Amino acid sequence: MRNTIRILCASLIALFASASLLAADNRPTGLAGLGVYGSLGRSAGDLGGGIGVTFKRANFPVVGLQYNVEDDSSRFNASVDYLVLDGEPIGSLFGYFIGAGLYGGAAATGDNETDFDFGLRFPFGLQFWPIRKLEFYLSPVLSVPLYPTPTFGGGVELGGRLYF
């Protein structure tokens, strides 16, 4: 009888401990994150796209730098986003974000000419935190180029960051 009570108590303690770990918030707070991302479409204007590096620190803006070689032109793009809502929980492993930002891009064409563009961007998306210091995200982005021609565009970004 005593062994049964001990086993039952140990099982209950293990159950509560594992349940609290599963319900724990996996999102880090106050840490800096560095990662890579890729984009499809016009998430940062006509001169955006390709693969890049991303940096994020607590409540500071998210910085992205992209480089893409396509059709005899080298394209470089930079973006800065302020996340109005960041890491709002959807359960313990998922979160979402909504933000606003700016982008600017330059492309060197084969004719020794350079094209420029800049505009506004509005990212929103989902985050997945498989472990506390690792974030994966999927973000549709609405872009509003201001130069050279005001219009609307959109794209998708997919990336990951490791927090330290």
Foldseek 3Di string as FASTA:
>chain_A
DVVVVVVVVVVVVVVVVVVCVQQAALEDAQWKKKKKKFKDKPLWHPLDTDMWMWIDGHQAWIKIWHWDDDDQKTKIKIKTKGWPDPFCDDTRFKGKTKIKIKMKMWMQHPVRDIDIWMWMKIKIWMWGRPHNFKIKIKIKMWTFIPPPDGDIIIIMMTIMIGTD
